[in-house]
Amino acid sequence: MYAADYWLTASECEEIGTNGREYLQAYKELATHCSASGKIRFPLYAKQHMLDHTFTDVFQHGQCYGFAVNPIAESVQMDEDHVGRTARLSRRVSPKLPAERTIDRYLVAVKQVWQTH
């Protein structure tokens, strides 16, 4: 999906739909196996249900119309570095007001970066 254009061809739709659904099925099997073994691995998230709909829709649009919009065009990718930096800031604040203090520290860090550039 990342290497494809905005409009997916019928063959790209089939590949994405098929591989996406196979991935979700394999993940579900791993979750079931681990759960039966008493291990807490491969948690099932509500977002996986949405992914199932996305992969199914892409596949069906490719079959019916011969093209589909690339799901990446309508997605938001999380900035892993931003999450990590914010997490580090939050570990250095008082447990009494963690959200407020984390935001304070974040604003100070942003100001420092802004002033150096």
Protein backbone atom coordinates (compact mmCIF):
# COMPACT_ATOMS: atom_id res chain seq x y z
CA MET A 1 0.00 0.00 0.00
CA TYR A 2 2.84 2.40 0.77
CA ALA A 3 4.44 1.97 -2.65
CA ALA A 4 1.16 2.12 -4.58
CA ASP A 5 -0.46 5.19 -6.13
CA TYR A 6 -3.61 6.91 -4.89
CA TRP A 7 -5.76 4.78 -7.21
CA LEU A 8 -5.15 1.05 -6.81
CA THR A 9 -5.46 -1.22 -9.81
CA ALA A 10 -7.68 -4.31 -9.71
CA SER A 11 -4.65 -6.55 -9.16
CA GLU A 12 -3.36 -4.34 -6.33
CA CYS A 13 -6.82 -4.40 -4.74
CA GLU A 14 -6.86 -8.18 -4.88
CA GLU A 15 -3.36 -8.47 -3.42
CA ILE A 16 -4.02 -5.99 -0.59
CA GLY A 17 -7.41 -7.46 0.24
CA THR A 18 -6.21 -11.05 0.21
CA ASN A 19 -2.94 -10.48 2.07
CA GLY A 20 -4.57 -8.17 4.59
CA ARG A 21 -7.28 -10.67 5.46
CA GLU A 22 -4.69 -13.49 5.66
CA TYR A 23 -2.63 -11.40 8.07
CA LEU A 24 -5.65 -10.77 10.30
CA GLN A 25 -6.56 -14.47 10.24
CA ALA A 26 -3.01 -15.49 11.20
CA TYR A 27 -2.96 -12.92 14.00
CA LYS A 28 -6.28 -14.25 15.31
CA GLU A 29 -4.93 -17.81 15.29
CA LEU A 30 -1.84 -16.71 17.24
CA ALA A 31 -4.05 -14.91 19.77
CA THR A 32 -6.27 -17.98 20.16
CA HIS A 33 -3.27 -20.33 20.55
CA CYS A 34 -1.61 -18.10 23.15
CA SER A 35 -4.86 -17.62 25.05
CA ALA A 36 -5.40 -21.40 25.17
CA SER A 37 -1.84 -21.76 26.52
CA GLY A 38 -2.55 -19.24 29.25
CA LYS A 39 -0.15 -16.68 27.79
CA ILE A 40 -1.07 -13.06 27.32
CA ARG A 41 0.24 -12.37 23.83
CA PHE A 42 -1.23 -10.96 20.63
CA PRO A 43 -4.11 -8.95 22.10
CA LEU A 44 -7.12 -8.37 19.89
CA TYR A 45 -7.91 -4.71 19.31
CA ALA A 46 -11.07 -3.07 17.98
CA LYS A 47 -8.92 -1.45 15.28
CA GLN A 48 -8.39 -4.90 13.76
CA HIS A 49 -12.11 -5.10 13.07
CA MET A 50 -11.85 -1.81 11.16
CA LEU A 51 -8.90 -3.18 9.22
CA ASP A 52 -10.99 -6.20 8.23
CA HIS A 53 -13.59 -3.84 6.76
CA THR A 54 -10.88 -1.85 4.98
CA PHE A 55 -9.29 -4.91 3.38
CA THR A 56 -12.71 -6.29 2.40
CA ASP A 57 -13.80 -2.98 0.89
CA VAL A 58 -10.60 -2.63 -1.14
CA PHE A 59 -10.96 -6.18 -2.43
CA GLN A 60 -14.64 -5.70 -3.34
CA HIS A 61 -14.07 -2.35 -5.04
CA GLY A 62 -11.32 -3.93 -7.13
CA GLN A 63 -13.67 -6.75 -8.14
CA CYS A 64 -16.66 -4.49 -8.90
CA TYR A 65 -15.05 -1.37 -10.36
CA GLY A 66 -11.50 -2.36 -11.26
CA PHE A 67 -9.96 0.22 -8.93
CA ALA A 68 -10.11 1.57 -5.37
CA VAL A 69 -8.67 4.43 -3.34
CA ASN A 70 -5.51 3.43 -1.51
CA PRO A 71 -6.42 3.22 2.23
CA ILE A 72 -3.11 4.90 3.08
CA ALA A 73 -4.42 8.09 1.42
CA GLU A 74 -7.04 8.37 4.17
CA SER A 75 -4.96 7.24 7.13
CA VAL A 76 -2.90 9.02 9.74
CA GLN A 77 0.46 7.54 10.67
CA MET A 78 1.56 7.93 14.29
CA ASP A 79 4.89 9.66 14.79
CA GLU A 80 6.74 7.08 16.92
CA ASP A 81 9.42 9.57 17.91
CA HIS A 82 6.82 12.02 19.22
CA VAL A 83 5.19 9.28 21.30
CA GLY A 84 8.54 8.22 22.75
CA ARG A 85 9.59 11.75 23.64
CA THR A 86 6.28 12.49 25.33
CA ALA A 87 6.48 9.21 27.26
CA ARG A 88 9.96 10.13 28.52
CA LEU A 89 8.69 13.54 29.63
CA SER A 90 5.76 11.96 31.48
CA ARG A 91 8.06 9.70 33.51
CA ARG A 92 9.75 12.76 35.01
CA VAL A 93 6.70 14.42 36.55
CA SER A 94 4.86 14.20 39.85
CA PRO A 95 2.18 11.51 39.96
CA LYS A 96 -0.25 14.05 41.43
CA LEU A 97 -0.84 15.98 38.19
CA PRO A 98 0.80 13.90 35.43
CA ALA A 99 -1.16 15.22 32.43
CA GLU A 100 -0.74 18.90 33.30
CA ARG A 101 2.94 18.54 34.19
CA THR A 102 3.66 16.52 31.06
CA ILE A 103 2.11 19.26 28.92
CA ASP A 104 4.14 21.89 30.81
CA ARG A 105 7.37 19.98 30.16
CA TYR A 106 6.41 19.43 26.52
CA LEU A 107 5.79 23.16 26.01
CA VAL A 108 9.16 24.00 27.58
CA ALA A 109 10.89 21.47 25.29
CA VAL A 110 9.10 22.85 22.22
CA LYS A 111 10.10 26.40 23.15
CA GLN A 112 13.75 25.37 23.51
CA VAL A 113 13.75 23.68 20.09
CA TRP A 114 11.92 26.64 18.52
CA GLN A 115 14.48 29.12 19.88
CA THR A 116 17.48 27.12 18.61
CA HIS A 117 16.15 26.87 15.05
